[in-house]
Amino acid sequence: MAEYPSISEQLDDVESARVEGHRKMDWARQHMPIMTAVREEFEGEKPLDGQRIGMAMHVEAKTAVLVETLAEGGAEVAVTGCNPLSTHDDVSAALDEHPNITSYAKRGVDDEEYYEAIEAVIDIEPTVTVDDGMDMVAAIHEEYPELIDSIVGGCEETTTGVHRLRAMDADGALDYPVFAVNDTPMKRLFDNVHGTGESSLATIAMTTNLSWAGKTVVVAGYGYCGKGVAKKASGQNAKVVVTEVEPRRALEAHMEGYEVKPMAEAAKEGDVFITTTGNRDVITEDHFDQMKDGVLLANAGHFDIEIDLNKLSDLAVSERDARDGVHEYEMEDGRRLNVLAEGRLVNLAAPLALGHPVEVMDQSFGVQAACVREMVENSEKYDAGVHDVPDELDKEIAEIKLSADGVDFDSLTDEQADYMGSWQHGT
């Protein structure tokens, strides 16, 4: 298989990087009570003893807490990035120092290096996969199918990855069980809405030093991520326009008070465009031709295909880096269109990006850890294909969070539980 150096072998000053990486991880841990509780359980019970976990994730401080927790649960872990621009090299180096972890994640790799690193992770012959975007699952099925029989299962973190997995499953091509972690209430209601919404807007503001108040923000897609972006932008006194292809979501956006228009019309009005669809060619040549001078184009979907950057480059008469993380394309008529973070996931790929808030990822990674434990302990329950996360696992993580925040909540009485579980109670 692949021969690819770990991050420690690639950095000139690995010791300084490790110190800074541990500093970032320490801060994250202080604000992750769920992962603290899960880690204590994993350290004591070693539920992952003997497992080999291959991971392709956004390697930054919060993710590092998850990676360490799995290693402390007894697993050998190999990890790499799931986006060429979302890795924090110092955090990657700090992880690589752990005796049970090898990190191949490095920021700024090209496509060839990106897939070489994924192959290096696969080289440990994982028994469990933890993916963000499904690139590792795809690579195993396409290039190393002989490993599938030894894989007990996997977890998929994000919307785009789950879409790909469900398509793969529908084609009968997914040969081991994978939990759709993205589709749990704890992920959709908090990570996708609050996490994507807050982190995308904060990153765009920090990258550009511009205000949201009074601007027209066009949000492409009104799924959970789009809802979060729209809600947070509206809360900062922006005018929000939503574009959608699904009629019920378009109606939902309309009834929640947003303008809903085709992108061909919204392109004429927007000051900021944020794509959240997970699809390709959402903003294209026809839209570029209609846009105002100075617009900002940002992507909050997983892959850099939502904005047609190749066509934008073809149309431009000149290009330059206007700021760190902002690439300016000047059109023939003098209009300037600004693309953030090379069209990649803006809240993780921009130079100042930190990803979702720590508290939000504490919840999502708590679900991830619980799903890995479940897949290892009860693998016989799950056939090949995409599986919903058992509801009791999702509730378990919510209860840990409520307890940590000092929040009490009601429970059903026996009579209420009986009533809700029976069809025999009439009017």
Protein backbone atom coordinates (compact mmCIF):
# COMPACT_ATOMS: atom_id res chain seq x y z
CA MET A 1 0.00 0.00 0.00
CA ALA A 2 0.96 3.67 0.30
CA GLU A 3 4.17 4.97 1.80
CA TYR A 4 3.48 8.44 3.12
CA PRO A 5 5.17 10.34 5.97
CA SER A 6 3.35 11.23 9.15
CA ILE A 7 3.01 14.92 10.01
CA SER A 8 5.93 14.67 12.44
CA GLU A 9 8.19 13.71 9.54
CA GLN A 10 7.01 16.63 7.43
CA LEU A 11 7.43 19.59 9.81
CA ASP A 12 10.72 21.44 10.30
CA ASP A 13 10.04 22.40 13.93
CA VAL A 14 7.81 19.61 15.15
CA GLU A 15 8.40 20.24 18.87
CA SER A 16 7.18 23.85 18.73
CA ALA A 17 4.19 22.72 16.69
CA ARG A 18 3.31 20.09 19.27
CA VAL A 19 3.43 22.60 22.11
CA GLU A 20 1.03 24.91 20.30
CA GLY A 21 -1.19 22.02 19.26
CA HIS A 22 -1.51 20.79 22.85
CA ARG A 23 -2.33 24.34 23.96
CA LYS A 24 -5.24 24.48 21.51
CA MET A 25 -6.44 21.03 22.54
CA ASP A 26 -6.31 21.94 26.24
CA TRP A 27 -8.59 24.91 25.62
CA ALA A 28 -11.06 22.77 23.69
CA ARG A 29 -11.17 20.12 26.43
CA GLN A 30 -12.10 22.72 29.04
CA HIS A 31 -15.34 23.37 27.14
CA MET A 32 -16.21 19.78 26.17
CA PRO A 33 -17.94 18.18 29.19
CA ILE A 34 -19.54 15.45 27.07
CA MET A 35 -16.20 14.28 25.70
CA THR A 36 -14.70 14.48 29.18
CA ALA A 37 -17.38 12.08 30.46
CA VAL A 38 -16.99 9.78 27.45
CA ARG A 39 -13.21 9.75 27.81
CA GLU A 40 -13.43 8.76 31.47
CA GLU A 41 -15.71 5.86 30.50
CA PHE A 42 -13.44 4.79 27.63
CA GLU A 43 -10.29 4.95 29.76
CA GLY A 44 -11.88 2.76 32.40
CA GLU A 45 -13.67 0.19 30.23
CA LYS A 46 -11.46 0.09 27.08
CA PRO A 47 -14.43 -0.71 24.78
CA LEU A 48 -12.26 -0.34 21.66
CA ASP A 49 -9.43 -2.58 22.78
CA GLY A 50 -7.83 -4.27 19.77
CA GLN A 51 -9.63 -2.12 17.17
CA ARG A 52 -7.88 -0.21 14.39
CA ILE A 53 -9.70 3.01 13.52
CA GLY A 54 -9.09 4.86 10.26
CA MET A 55 -10.28 8.47 10.24
CA ALA A 56 -10.61 11.22 7.61
CA MET A 57 -11.71 14.35 9.45
CA HIS A 58 -11.10 18.09 9.80
CA VAL A 59 -8.01 17.79 11.99
CA GLU A 60 -8.19 20.67 14.44
CA ALA A 61 -8.41 20.98 18.22
CA LYS A 62 -11.95 19.74 18.75
CA THR A 63 -11.52 16.79 16.43
CA ALA A 64 -8.28 15.98 18.26
CA VAL A 65 -10.25 15.47 21.48
CA LEU A 66 -12.35 12.82 19.72
CA VAL A 67 -9.28 11.15 18.20
CA GLU A 68 -7.55 10.97 21.60
CA THR A 69 -10.71 9.63 23.24
CA LEU A 70 -10.90 6.75 20.77
CA ALA A 71 -7.22 5.98 21.35
CA GLU A 72 -7.72 6.04 25.13
CA GLY A 73 -10.53 3.55 24.58
CA GLY A 74 -7.92 1.04 23.47
CA ALA A 75 -7.84 1.60 19.70
CA GLU A 76 -4.93 2.13 17.35
CA VAL A 77 -5.89 5.24 15.37
CA ALA A 78 -4.63 6.63 12.07
CA VAL A 79 -6.05 9.97 10.96
CA THR A 80 -5.79 12.33 8.02
CA GLY A 81 -7.63 15.39 6.76
CA CYS A 82 -10.90 15.39 4.82
CA ASN A 83 -10.23 18.80 3.28
CA PRO A 84 -6.86 20.12 2.03
CA LEU A 85 -7.26 23.41 3.89
CA SER A 86 -8.93 22.47 7.18
CA THR A 87 -5.99 20.87 9.00
CA HIS A 88 -4.13 22.66 11.79
CA ASP A 89 -0.59 21.35 11.44
CA ASP A 90 0.24 22.00 15.09
CA VAL A 91 -2.76 19.97 16.28
CA SER A 92 -1.90 17.21 13.84
CA ALA A 93 1.64 17.10 15.23
CA ALA A 94 0.36 16.98 18.81
CA LEU A 95 -1.87 14.04 17.94
CA ASP A 96 0.99 12.25 16.23
CA GLU A 97 2.90 12.32 19.52
CA HIS A 98 0.34 10.00 21.15
CA PRO A 99 1.64 6.40 21.19
CA ASN A 100 -1.62 4.99 19.78
CA ILE A 101 -2.15 7.67 17.09
CA THR A 102 -0.51 8.35 13.73
CA SER A 103 -1.55 11.55 11.99
CA TYR A 104 -0.94 12.13 8.29
CA ALA A 105 -3.00 15.33 8.13
CA LYS A 106 -1.23 18.39 6.70
CA ARG A 107 -2.63 21.69 5.54
CA GLY A 108 -2.31 22.75 1.93
CA VAL A 109 -1.71 19.39 0.28
CA ASP A 110 -2.51 18.91 -3.41
CA ASP A 111 -4.98 16.29 -4.66
CA GLU A 112 -2.31 13.61 -5.07
CA GLU A 113 -0.97 14.09 -1.55
CA TYR A 114 -4.50 14.20 -0.15
CA TYR A 115 -5.33 10.74 -1.47
CA GLU A 116 -1.88 9.37 -0.61
CA ALA A 117 -2.57 10.32 3.01
CA ILE A 118 -5.94 8.54 2.90
CA GLU A 119 -4.19 5.45 1.57
CA ALA A 120 -1.64 5.71 4.38
CA VAL A 121 -4.50 5.59 6.89
CA ILE A 122 -6.00 2.60 5.11
CA ASP A 123 -2.59 0.94 5.42
CA ILE A 124 -3.39 0.09 9.08
CA GLU A 125 -6.20 -2.13 7.73
CA PRO A 126 -8.91 -0.43 9.80
CA THR A 127 -11.63 -2.39 11.54
CA VAL A 128 -13.67 0.82 11.96
CA THR A 129 -13.84 3.91 9.73
CA VAL A 130 -14.81 7.42 10.85
CA ASP A 131 -15.33 9.67 7.86
CA ASP A 132 -16.31 13.25 7.02
CA GLY A 133 -17.31 13.34 3.37
CA MET A 134 -17.01 9.59 2.59
CA ASP A 135 -13.68 9.75 0.76
CA MET A 136 -12.21 6.97 2.91
CA VAL A 137 -15.20 4.65 2.51
CA ALA A 138 -15.05 5.21 -1.26
CA ALA A 139 -11.31 4.54 -1.41
CA ILE A 140 -11.66 1.27 0.53
CA HIS A 141 -14.45 0.01 -1.72
CA GLU A 142 -12.77 1.06 -4.95
CA GLU A 143 -9.15 0.20 -4.25
CA TYR A 144 -8.96 -2.14 -1.24
CA PRO A 145 -12.11 -4.30 -1.27
CA GLU A 146 -10.12 -7.16 0.30
CA LEU A 147 -10.21 -5.22 3.60
CA ILE A 148 -14.00 -5.04 3.81
CA ASP A 149 -14.53 -8.41 5.48
CA SER A 150 -12.45 -7.28 8.47
CA ILE A 151 -14.29 -3.95 8.92
CA VAL A 152 -17.02 -4.11 11.55
CA GLY A 153 -18.52 -0.77 10.54
CA GLY A 154 -18.15 2.97 10.25
CA CYS A 155 -19.54 6.41 11.03
CA GLU A 156 -20.17 9.32 8.65
CA GLU A 157 -20.11 12.82 10.07
CA THR A 158 -21.50 15.19 7.47
CA THR A 159 -24.44 15.85 5.14
CA THR A 160 -22.51 15.42 1.89
CA GLY A 161 -21.00 12.15 3.05
CA VAL A 162 -24.39 10.74 4.05
CA HIS A 163 -25.84 11.73 0.67
CA ARG A 164 -23.02 9.85 -1.06
CA LEU A 165 -23.42 6.84 1.24
CA ARG A 166 -27.17 6.59 0.66
CA ALA A 167 -26.60 6.72 -3.10
CA MET A 168 -23.96 4.01 -2.75
CA ASP A 169 -26.32 1.94 -0.59
CA ALA A 170 -29.16 2.34 -3.09
CA ASP A 171 -26.87 0.96 -5.79
CA GLY A 172 -26.07 -2.05 -3.59
CA ALA A 173 -22.42 -1.01 -3.49
CA LEU A 174 -21.94 -0.33 0.24
CA ASP A 175 -20.50 -3.53 1.70
CA TYR A 176 -20.28 -2.75 5.42
CA PRO A 177 -22.57 -0.96 7.90
CA VAL A 178 -22.18 2.79 8.44
CA PHE A 179 -24.02 5.02 10.90
CA ALA A 180 -25.42 8.24 9.40
CA VAL A 181 -24.25 10.37 12.32
CA ASN A 182 -25.17 13.53 10.43
CA ASP A 183 -28.85 12.59 10.50
CA THR A 184 -29.30 12.39 14.27
CA PRO A 185 -31.26 15.17 16.02
CA MET A 186 -28.15 16.04 18.08
CA LYS A 187 -26.22 16.66 14.87
CA ARG A 188 -28.84 18.33 12.71
CA LEU A 189 -30.41 20.58 15.33
CA PHE A 190 -27.18 21.88 16.83
CA ASP A 191 -24.11 21.17 14.68
CA ASN A 192 -25.75 21.92 11.34
CA VAL A 193 -27.92 24.82 12.45
CA HIS A 194 -25.96 26.61 15.16
CA GLY A 195 -22.51 25.32 14.30
CA THR A 196 -22.55 26.02 10.56
CA GLY A 197 -24.51 29.23 10.97
CA GLU A 198 -22.34 30.81 13.64
CA SER A 199 -18.96 29.62 12.36
CA SER A 200 -19.57 30.51 8.71
CA LEU A 201 -20.70 34.06 9.48
CA ALA A 202 -17.95 34.60 12.06
CA THR A 203 -15.27 33.38 9.66
CA ILE A 204 -16.51 35.53 6.80
CA ALA A 205 -16.61 38.59 9.05
CA MET A 206 -13.09 37.96 10.39
CA THR A 207 -11.71 37.23 6.93
CA THR A 208 -13.16 40.37 5.32
CA ASN A 209 -13.47 42.77 8.30
CA LEU A 210 -16.92 43.68 6.97
CA SER A 211 -20.27 44.02 8.74
CA TRP A 212 -23.44 42.03 8.15
CA ALA A 213 -25.86 44.83 9.00
CA GLY A 214 -27.70 46.14 5.97
CA LYS A 215 -26.25 43.63 3.52
CA THR A 216 -28.27 41.28 1.35
CA VAL A 217 -27.15 37.73 2.04
CA VAL A 218 -28.13 35.05 -0.47
CA VAL A 219 -28.25 31.59 1.11
CA ALA A 220 -28.26 28.77 -1.43
CA GLY A 221 -30.07 25.77 0.03
CA TYR A 222 -32.46 25.66 2.97
CA GLY A 223 -31.53 22.40 4.63
CA TYR A 224 -30.36 22.41 8.22
CA CYS A 225 -27.11 24.21 7.39
CA GLY A 226 -28.87 26.78 5.22
CA LYS A 227 -31.44 27.39 7.95
CA GLY A 228 -28.65 28.09 10.40
CA VAL A 229 -26.86 30.52 8.09
CA ALA A 230 -30.11 32.34 7.27
CA LYS A 231 -31.15 32.55 10.92
CA LYS A 232 -27.80 33.88 12.12
CA ALA A 233 -27.48 36.38 9.24
CA SER A 234 -30.97 37.70 9.91
CA GLY A 235 -30.04 38.01 13.58
CA GLN A 236 -27.17 40.30 12.60
CA ASN A 237 -29.54 42.60 10.70
CA ALA A 238 -28.87 41.36 7.21
CA LYS A 239 -31.59 40.97 4.60
CA VAL A 240 -31.75 37.27 3.68
CA VAL A 241 -32.72 35.79 0.32
CA VAL A 242 -33.01 32.01 0.03
CA THR A 243 -32.66 29.95 -3.14
CA GLU A 244 -33.96 26.37 -3.22
CA VAL A 245 -34.81 23.54 -5.62
CA GLU A 246 -37.04 21.58 -3.19
CA PRO A 247 -40.56 23.09 -3.08
CA ARG A 248 -41.31 22.26 0.57
CA ARG A 249 -38.08 23.80 1.77
CA ALA A 250 -38.71 26.84 -0.40
CA LEU A 251 -42.17 27.14 1.15
CA GLU A 252 -40.71 26.74 4.64
CA ALA A 253 -38.23 29.57 4.00
CA HIS A 254 -41.03 31.75 2.64
CA MET A 255 -43.24 31.13 5.67
CA GLU A 256 -40.35 31.88 8.01
CA GLY A 257 -40.12 35.36 6.53
CA TYR A 258 -37.29 35.12 4.00
CA GLU A 259 -37.48 36.15 0.38
CA VAL A 260 -37.28 33.11 -1.88
CA LYS A 261 -36.04 33.54 -5.43
CA PRO A 262 -34.25 31.64 -8.18
CA MET A 263 -30.50 32.20 -8.14
CA ALA A 264 -30.79 33.97 -11.51
CA GLU A 265 -32.76 36.75 -9.77
CA ALA A 266 -30.94 36.66 -6.44
CA ALA A 267 -27.61 37.08 -8.25
CA LYS A 268 -28.56 40.67 -9.10
CA GLU A 269 -29.26 41.62 -5.48
CA GLY A 270 -26.80 39.83 -3.24
CA ASP A 271 -23.85 41.37 -1.44
CA VAL A 272 -22.79 38.03 0.05
CA PHE A 273 -23.51 34.57 -1.35
CA ILE A 274 -23.19 31.49 0.87
CA THR A 275 -23.76 28.04 -0.65
CA THR A 276 -24.95 25.21 1.62
CA THR A 277 -26.40 22.67 -0.82
CA GLY A 278 -23.80 19.88 -1.04
CA ASN A 279 -24.40 19.93 -4.81
CA ARG A 280 -22.34 21.21 -7.72
CA ASP A 281 -22.69 24.25 -10.04
CA VAL A 282 -24.94 26.25 -7.73
CA ILE A 283 -23.36 29.55 -8.79
CA THR A 284 -22.28 29.58 -12.43
CA GLU A 285 -21.39 31.82 -15.36
CA ASP A 286 -24.94 33.16 -15.82
CA HIS A 287 -24.95 34.28 -12.19
CA PHE A 288 -21.47 35.84 -12.29
CA ASP A 289 -22.62 38.03 -15.18
CA GLN A 290 -25.43 39.49 -13.03
CA MET A 291 -23.51 40.18 -9.82
CA LYS A 292 -22.64 43.57 -8.36
CA ASP A 293 -19.14 44.88 -7.93
CA GLY A 294 -17.50 43.72 -4.70
CA VAL A 295 -19.68 40.72 -3.88
CA LEU A 296 -18.39 38.02 -1.56
CA LEU A 297 -18.73 34.36 -2.60
CA ALA A 298 -18.38 31.73 0.13
CA ASN A 299 -19.12 28.03 0.33
CA ALA A 300 -20.34 26.29 3.49
CA GLY A 301 -20.84 22.93 1.78
CA HIS A 302 -18.30 20.13 1.97
CA PHE A 303 -16.66 20.22 -1.48
CA ASP A 304 -15.37 23.13 -3.60
CA ILE A 305 -17.75 22.52 -6.50
CA GLU A 306 -20.74 24.67 -5.53
CA ILE A 307 -19.20 27.79 -7.10
CA ASP A 308 -17.86 27.26 -10.64
CA LEU A 309 -14.38 28.62 -10.02
CA ASN A 310 -12.97 27.37 -13.32
CA LYS A 311 -15.48 29.40 -15.29
CA LEU A 312 -14.99 32.41 -13.02
CA SER A 313 -11.26 32.27 -13.69
CA ASP A 314 -11.91 32.02 -17.44
CA LEU A 315 -14.12 35.12 -17.30
CA ALA A 316 -11.67 37.19 -15.26
CA VAL A 317 -9.22 39.56 -16.92
CA SER A 318 -7.08 39.62 -13.79
CA GLU A 319 -6.86 37.91 -10.40
CA ARG A 320 -5.19 38.78 -7.12
CA ASP A 321 -5.29 38.00 -3.41
CA ALA A 322 -7.15 41.01 -2.03
CA ARG A 323 -6.69 39.81 1.58
CA ASP A 324 -5.59 36.61 3.25
CA GLY A 325 -8.31 34.16 2.33
CA VAL A 326 -9.94 36.45 -0.26
CA HIS A 327 -9.20 35.95 -3.96
CA GLU A 328 -10.42 38.73 -6.23
CA TYR A 329 -11.54 38.11 -9.82
CA GLU A 330 -11.83 41.26 -11.95
CA MET A 331 -14.33 41.03 -14.80
CA GLU A 332 -13.92 42.70 -18.19
CA ASP A 333 -16.34 45.48 -17.20
CA GLY A 334 -14.38 46.25 -14.01
CA ARG A 335 -16.59 44.42 -11.51
CA ARG A 336 -14.72 42.55 -8.80
CA LEU A 337 -16.01 39.23 -7.45
CA ASN A 338 -14.33 37.96 -4.29
CA VAL A 339 -14.08 34.25 -3.46
CA LEU A 340 -13.31 33.22 0.12
CA ALA A 341 -11.15 30.23 1.10
CA GLU A 342 -10.70 29.08 -2.50
CA GLY A 343 -14.36 28.08 -2.56
CA ARG A 344 -13.74 25.41 0.07
CA LEU A 345 -15.61 24.98 3.34
CA VAL A 346 -15.27 28.56 4.54
CA ASN A 347 -15.64 27.97 8.28
CA LEU A 348 -12.72 25.54 8.23
CA ALA A 349 -10.58 26.46 5.22
CA ALA A 350 -10.14 30.24 5.58
CA PRO A 351 -6.85 31.33 7.21
CA LEU A 352 -8.58 32.51 10.40
CA ALA A 353 -11.16 29.71 10.47
CA LEU A 354 -11.67 27.73 13.66
CA GLY A 355 -14.64 25.60 12.63
CA HIS A 356 -17.79 25.14 14.69
CA PRO A 357 -17.92 26.43 18.27
CA VAL A 358 -16.38 24.04 20.78
CA GLU A 359 -19.62 23.37 22.67
CA VAL A 360 -21.39 22.37 19.46
CA MET A 361 -18.71 19.90 18.41
CA ASP A 362 -18.66 18.46 21.92
CA GLN A 363 -22.18 17.22 21.20
CA SER A 364 -21.45 15.90 17.71
CA PHE A 365 -18.25 14.13 18.71
CA GLY A 366 -19.98 12.65 21.73
CA VAL A 367 -22.41 11.02 19.30
CA GLN A 368 -19.51 9.88 17.11
CA ALA A 369 -17.74 8.22 20.04
CA ALA A 370 -20.93 6.52 21.19
CA CYS A 371 -21.54 5.24 17.65
CA VAL A 372 -18.04 3.79 17.37
CA ARG A 373 -18.57 2.02 20.69
CA GLU A 374 -21.96 0.71 19.53
CA MET A 375 -20.61 -0.55 16.22
CA VAL A 376 -17.80 -2.42 17.96
CA GLU A 377 -19.91 -3.89 20.77
CA ASN A 378 -22.98 -4.80 18.71
CA SER A 379 -21.74 -5.19 15.15
CA GLU A 380 -23.82 -8.32 14.62
CA LYS A 381 -26.98 -6.18 14.75
CA TYR A 382 -26.05 -4.19 11.65
CA ASP A 383 -25.99 -5.48 8.08
CA ALA A 384 -24.12 -3.76 5.27
CA GLY A 385 -25.69 -0.40 4.41
CA VAL A 386 -26.56 2.96 5.95
CA HIS A 387 -28.06 2.85 9.46
CA ASP A 388 -29.74 5.52 11.57
CA VAL A 389 -28.07 6.13 14.92
CA PRO A 390 -30.02 4.35 17.69
CA ASP A 391 -32.18 6.96 19.37
CA GLU A 392 -31.04 5.97 22.86
CA LEU A 393 -27.44 6.88 21.97
CA ASP A 394 -28.51 10.33 20.81
CA LYS A 395 -30.53 10.85 24.00
CA GLU A 396 -27.59 9.63 26.11
CA ILE A 397 -25.42 12.44 24.77
CA ALA A 398 -28.18 15.03 25.25
CA GLU A 399 -28.60 13.96 28.88
CA ILE A 400 -24.86 14.27 29.54
CA LYS A 401 -24.94 17.80 28.11
CA LEU A 402 -27.98 18.85 30.13
CA SER A 403 -26.39 17.50 33.31
CA ALA A 404 -23.16 19.35 32.60
CA ASP A 405 -25.10 22.58 32.08
CA GLY A 406 -27.14 22.07 35.26
CA VAL A 407 -30.44 21.75 33.39
CA ASP A 408 -33.20 19.54 34.81
CA PHE A 409 -36.04 18.21 32.67
CA ASP A 410 -39.23 16.21 33.18
CA SER A 411 -39.80 12.48 32.75
CA LEU A 412 -42.99 10.68 31.75
CA THR A 413 -45.00 9.08 34.51
CA ASP A 414 -45.86 5.39 34.10
CA GLU A 415 -49.41 6.38 33.16
CA GLN A 416 -48.17 8.85 30.54
CA ALA A 417 -45.79 6.31 29.05
CA ASP A 418 -48.59 3.75 28.89
CA TYR A 419 -50.91 6.26 27.21
CA MET A 420 -48.34 7.28 24.60
CA GLY A 421 -47.50 3.65 23.86
CA SER A 422 -51.03 2.40 23.45
CA TRP A 423 -53.52 2.59 20.60
CA GLN A 424 -56.46 1.62 22.79
CA HIS A 425 -57.03 4.96 24.50
CA GLY A 426 -59.75 6.77 22.57
CA THR A 427 -61.66 9.97 23.14
